[in-house]
Amino acid sequence: MAATSAPVLAQPPSSSSTPPPPPGTTSSTSTNTTSTTTNAPPSPPHLNPSHPNHRPKITTSLWEDEGTICYQVDARGICVARRQDNDMVNGTKLLNVTGMSRGKRDGILKNEKGRVVVKVGAMHLKGVWVTFSRAKALAIQHNIKDVLQPLFVDDPSIY
C-alpha cells in the first residue's frame, strides 16, 4: 500500500514587528531584507534604459598614441568612439552594434572612401574609421542612430 500525503497549504505570513511603509511608498520583504521604494518622479527618457528613447551616456578618453580626445558611447555592450580632432567614427564598432555578420560588416567598410585602418592600440579603438557624415549615414541606414546618441550631435563636448 502506497502512502499518500495531503497537500501542504501555504500559511499566511505572520505579523511582524516591522511597521507598514509610509503612504506613497511600497515595500517588499524577503527572508532577511526589506526594501522601500519612494514614488519618485520618473527619470528622463534618455536616462531610463527601458524607455525606447534611452540614450547611452557619453564619456571621453585621451587617445595618447594619436594625441586626441575620443568621445565614446557604450551601446548594446559595444564601445563606439568618435575622434574630437577630425570627427571620424570607428565604423567597425558602429556596425557591430547592428549585430550584422563580420563578413557583411567588412564588405561595407572595405569600400569606404577616406577610411583609416587602426590595427594597434586599445580594443575599442581598433578597426576601420570612417568620416562623420558616412558614420551618421550608416547609423541611419541600419536604424541605430538613436541607440548611439549623443555620438552624432554637432558638439558632443556639451555632454
Protein backbone atom coordinates (compact mmCIF):
# COMPACT_ATOMS: atom_id res chain seq x y z
CA MET A 1 0.00 0.00 0.00
CA ALA A 2 1.46 3.37 -1.03
CA ALA A 3 1.48 6.21 1.42
CA THR A 4 -0.35 9.32 0.37
CA SER A 5 0.17 12.74 1.79
CA ALA A 6 -2.20 15.64 1.95
CA PRO A 7 -1.17 18.77 0.06
CA VAL A 8 0.56 21.35 2.17
CA LEU A 9 -1.17 24.70 2.14
CA ALA A 10 0.84 27.87 2.36
CA GLN A 11 0.41 29.70 5.63
CA PRO A 12 -0.34 33.40 5.53
CA PRO A 13 2.63 35.46 6.64
CA SER A 14 2.65 36.09 10.34
CA SER A 15 2.57 39.63 11.55
CA SER A 16 5.97 41.01 12.36
CA SER A 17 7.22 43.93 14.34
CA THR A 18 8.05 45.85 11.14
CA PRO A 19 5.75 48.86 10.78
CA PRO A 20 3.87 49.31 7.50
CA PRO A 21 5.57 51.54 4.92
CA PRO A 22 4.66 55.23 4.89
CA PRO A 23 1.97 56.38 2.45
CA GLY A 24 3.25 56.88 -1.11
CA THR A 25 5.78 54.07 -0.84
CA THR A 26 5.78 50.36 -1.48
CA SER A 27 7.57 47.72 0.49
CA SER A 28 8.68 44.20 -0.28
CA THR A 29 10.10 41.82 2.26
CA SER A 30 12.20 38.72 1.69
CA THR A 31 13.80 36.43 4.24
CA ASN A 32 16.31 38.89 5.67
CA THR A 33 15.87 42.17 3.82
CA THR A 34 13.28 44.87 3.40
CA SER A 35 13.38 47.43 0.62
CA THR A 36 11.28 50.53 0.35
CA THR A 37 10.75 52.47 -2.86
CA THR A 38 9.54 56.04 -2.85
CA ASN A 39 7.22 57.20 -5.59
CA ALA A 40 9.81 59.50 -7.17
CA PRO A 41 9.15 61.26 -10.45
CA PRO A 42 10.17 59.16 -13.46
CA SER A 43 13.69 59.67 -14.73
CA PRO A 44 14.15 61.48 -18.06
CA PRO A 45 13.80 59.14 -21.07
CA HIS A 46 17.48 59.35 -22.02
CA LEU A 47 18.45 58.02 -18.56
CA ASN A 48 15.86 55.23 -18.36
CA PRO A 49 17.26 52.04 -20.01
CA SER A 50 13.79 50.57 -20.56
CA HIS A 51 12.49 53.66 -22.38
CA PRO A 52 12.54 53.49 -26.21
CA ASN A 53 14.33 56.86 -26.36
CA HIS A 54 17.05 55.78 -23.93
CA ARG A 55 20.41 57.23 -24.91
CA PRO A 56 23.67 55.96 -23.51
CA LYS A 57 25.96 58.25 -21.59
CA ILE A 58 28.90 59.71 -23.46
CA THR A 59 32.38 59.52 -21.97
CA THR A 60 35.73 60.87 -23.06
CA SER A 61 39.20 59.41 -23.07
CA LEU A 62 42.60 60.50 -24.28
CA TRP A 63 43.96 58.50 -27.19
CA GLU A 64 47.61 59.07 -26.33
CA ASP A 65 49.10 57.49 -29.48
CA GLU A 66 47.06 59.87 -31.66
CA GLY A 67 47.14 62.85 -29.30
CA THR A 68 43.38 63.38 -29.40
CA ILE A 69 40.35 63.02 -27.20
CA CYS A 70 37.71 60.44 -28.13
CA TYR A 71 34.02 60.62 -27.29
CA GLN A 72 32.67 57.16 -26.50
CA VAL A 73 29.18 55.73 -26.26
CA ASP A 74 28.52 52.24 -24.95
CA ALA A 75 25.62 50.85 -27.00
CA ARG A 76 24.40 47.27 -26.64
CA GLY A 77 27.63 46.43 -24.86
CA ILE A 78 29.86 47.81 -27.63
CA CYS A 79 32.01 50.92 -27.22
CA VAL A 80 31.73 53.19 -30.27
CA ALA A 81 34.25 56.04 -30.42
CA ARG A 82 34.42 59.39 -32.25
CA ARG A 83 37.61 61.43 -32.50
CA GLN A 84 37.47 65.03 -31.32
CA ASP A 85 40.11 66.32 -33.76
CA ASN A 86 38.62 65.14 -37.06
CA ASP A 87 35.23 63.65 -36.01
CA MET A 88 35.97 60.25 -37.56
CA VAL A 89 33.98 57.37 -36.05
CA ASN A 90 35.04 53.75 -35.56
CA GLY A 91 32.92 52.17 -38.29
CA THR A 92 33.81 48.63 -37.23
CA LYS A 93 32.35 49.09 -33.76
CA LEU A 94 29.44 51.13 -35.13
CA LEU A 95 28.36 48.27 -37.41
CA ASN A 96 28.95 45.72 -34.63
CA VAL A 97 26.11 47.43 -32.76
CA THR A 98 23.74 46.26 -35.52
CA GLY A 99 24.66 42.62 -34.89
CA MET A 100 25.48 42.02 -38.57
CA SER A 101 27.97 39.34 -39.56
CA ARG A 102 31.67 40.08 -39.75
CA GLY A 103 31.69 39.38 -43.49
CA LYS A 104 28.88 41.82 -44.21
CA ARG A 105 30.44 44.47 -41.95
CA ASP A 106 33.86 44.10 -43.58
CA GLY A 107 32.29 44.18 -47.05
CA ILE A 108 30.69 47.53 -46.29
CA LEU A 109 33.82 49.04 -44.75
CA LYS A 110 36.34 47.89 -47.38
CA ASN A 111 34.84 50.26 -49.97
CA GLU A 112 34.70 53.35 -47.75
CA LYS A 113 36.44 56.41 -49.18
CA GLY A 114 38.77 58.14 -46.75
CA ARG A 115 38.80 55.22 -44.35
CA VAL A 116 41.62 54.80 -41.85
CA VAL A 117 42.51 51.34 -40.56
CA VAL A 118 43.78 51.18 -36.97
CA LYS A 119 45.45 47.88 -36.06
CA VAL A 120 47.21 48.74 -32.79
CA GLY A 121 46.04 50.20 -29.50
CA ALA A 122 43.09 49.69 -27.23
CA MET A 123 40.45 47.23 -28.45
CA HIS A 124 37.70 49.86 -28.72
CA LEU A 125 39.96 51.98 -30.95
CA LYS A 126 40.98 49.23 -33.39
CA GLY A 127 39.04 48.96 -36.61
CA VAL A 128 38.11 50.89 -39.72
CA TRP A 129 37.45 54.56 -39.01
CA VAL A 130 35.10 56.42 -41.34
CA THR A 131 34.12 60.05 -41.79
CA PHE A 132 31.49 61.53 -39.51
CA SER A 133 28.98 62.03 -42.34
CA ARG A 134 29.39 58.44 -43.53
CA ALA A 135 29.10 57.07 -39.98
CA LYS A 136 25.90 59.04 -39.47
CA ALA A 137 24.51 57.75 -42.79
CA LEU A 138 25.36 54.15 -41.83
CA ALA A 139 23.72 54.60 -38.42
CA ILE A 140 20.54 55.92 -40.05
CA GLN A 141 20.56 53.18 -42.71
CA HIS A 142 20.88 50.44 -40.09
CA ASN A 143 18.46 52.04 -37.59
CA ILE A 144 20.99 52.56 -34.79
CA LYS A 145 21.32 56.36 -34.79
CA ASP A 146 19.06 56.76 -31.75
CA VAL A 147 20.89 53.99 -29.88
CA LEU A 148 24.18 55.83 -30.42
CA GLN A 149 23.05 59.31 -29.39
CA PRO A 150 24.64 61.65 -28.38
CA LEU A 151 27.55 60.49 -30.56
CA PHE A 152 26.10 62.27 -33.60
CA VAL A 153 25.33 65.68 -32.12
CA ASP A 154 27.26 68.63 -33.56
CA ASP A 155 29.18 69.24 -30.32
CA PRO A 156 29.36 66.19 -28.03
CA SER A 157 31.51 68.14 -25.56
CA ILE A 158 28.33 69.71 -24.14
CA TYR A 159 27.50 66.33 -22.62
